[in-house]
Amino acid sequence: MSVALLTLGHVTEPLGPPGASEPGPRSPEPAADQPAFDAEPTATTAYPLPDGWPVPPGWTQVTVPDDPRTFVIPPPDTTGTGSPPGLRQPVPATAERVDRKNKLVGRLFGTSLAAIVVLAVAAGSTFLVTGWLIFQVWGFDQFGATVEIAVITFLVTGGHTAASLWAAQNRPVRWWAIAVTQVPFFGAYLVAIAWYHSRGVIIDKTGFPPLYILWAAAAPSALAWLIIWYTRNPQPPRRAIAFLIACAILVVVNGAGIFTILWRDTNGFGLVGPPSPWDALDGLVTTSCISNSDFYFSGSKQLQANCPSGPTADLYSGIHDKAAFDQLLCGDQPRAAFQTWWNRSRHYQIAITLDFGYPTDWKATIDGKPAEESAGQVGGSNATITVTVGLQAAFRIGGPDDQAHPMHVDKGEETWHVQLEHQLLGGWKVCHIDVPDPIKDHPALQDPKPSPSPSDDDPLGRRQLASQLPCGPLDPLRQLRNCPSDSPSPSPEPSTTPVPTPAPTSS
């Protein structure tokens, strides 16, 4: 059996392990009735604990009989140095309050200075971007978009400045943390450049929604700060679970946002029709590439039909915007009405343009009741639209004048009865087109008196152009118009000079 021999040490401030500078320990007098031990006692030094001092972690508090003082025993030596950790005098309450106050003042000053820098950079960049938009891009015509971009600029540049200040003062320096907090903002600047180049001249002058710029900065930034938060103390299992749940929520929310945008802009990837029957038919005739209209609405965006254009395009092949055209059909039957004109274009090698008029001129019924064109979603199950289709132009570009109009027709207009149905997922599509009395074509006869071709005295071919105007010699619909007939050659006017009567001859 072993016993620890308690040695009382005298401690002065600062308190620490016994050393040469401290008075030697004193041993209490053993009691008279102290039992004998079968092993050598182990000496352990106890230090008096002044009143009000805390017991250090790991130390043992003991008392000595007949001694009012409180003693503490240091923990076992685990370092092999033989020097137990020393006691430390508690900071006085007054000094502690002063220290806390100084730290609070320092934090407030640093935070205020950082806020001033962030606001200055954000306000300055917003002022520059707003001035550039007004004086260089579009003036005050797009005031709403200018305000939206100004707010986005303030938030993005302010957030970038705040992240940069954090990276500059964070210790220890972790370069990967600096990188993941900076990358989202540079990605947002690339999206801003893409937005600038997405602006159209005629349509969509403001490009894609500018809020995508803010989104490009916010979503990756949220992921970056989640990573930084987790890596500070990755050991606790609860922290890891919270990190995974937050990342999953972030991915689901942003994925749902992307899917919603694509669904809206593509009419549900072709599964959803346009919101009204008029939009469905207008999009169909535009994407047929034989209409006098080039633009149509697809979802929330106005698009230009992908029709042949340019010097190398084959204008006589009947090519159309097939992908967009097919998305507006609920069957193959409506294609026949357009296929007739595509075949004529290929057969006669001419460019054909049909005039479908304006949607406001179309006569429509929805579920058997008369209806007028309206914006937004239109309810109902079935719709019928009656359209008067006119042949606006049918000619061959270039070549001799007598071959510019190889096709003639028996009349200039035909009537289409278009039937549309409301789709299960929403929107309208064209399901049937009936043409009861279609236009009939026949080859044109050789013009015995072709109009003059461009020559030295008419290098611009004004006479050739004039011959193609309505009622001109090369007008393919001349026989259908109320054109004056060719004036006959003027006959000589009767002479007003009296003709002398010959005198009678004498016999």
Foldseek 3Di string as FASTA:
>chain_A
DEAAFEWEFEADPPFWFDDPVGDDTHGDDDDPPDDDDPDDYHYFYKYWDDPPFDDDPQWAWDDDPPDPTIIITAHDDPPPPPIGGTGGGDDDPVVVVVVVVVVVVVVVVVVVVLVVVLQVQLVVQLVVQLVCCQPPQPNCPPVVLSVVVSVLSSVLSSQLSSLVVCQVPDPPRDVVLNVQQNVLSVQLVVVVVVQCVQADDPPNNRGDRNVVSSVSNPLSNVLSVLVVVCVVDVPDPVSVVVSVVVVVVSVVVVVVVVQVVVCQQQVHVLQAADQDPLLLVVQQVCQQQQEPDQWGGGRNGIDGWPDFDDPPGQQQQSDGSVSSNVSQEPDDAVVVVSVVVSVVSNVLVKHWHKYQDHQQPKWKDAPRHTDGDDDGHDDGFKMKIKTKIFTDDIFHPDDFLQSGHQKAKPEGIWMKIWMWGAGPVGHIHTYHIDTPDDIDMDTDDGDPDGWDAQDPVRPPRPRSVVQCPACHVSPRCNVVDPHDDDDDDDDDDDDPDDDDDDDDDDD
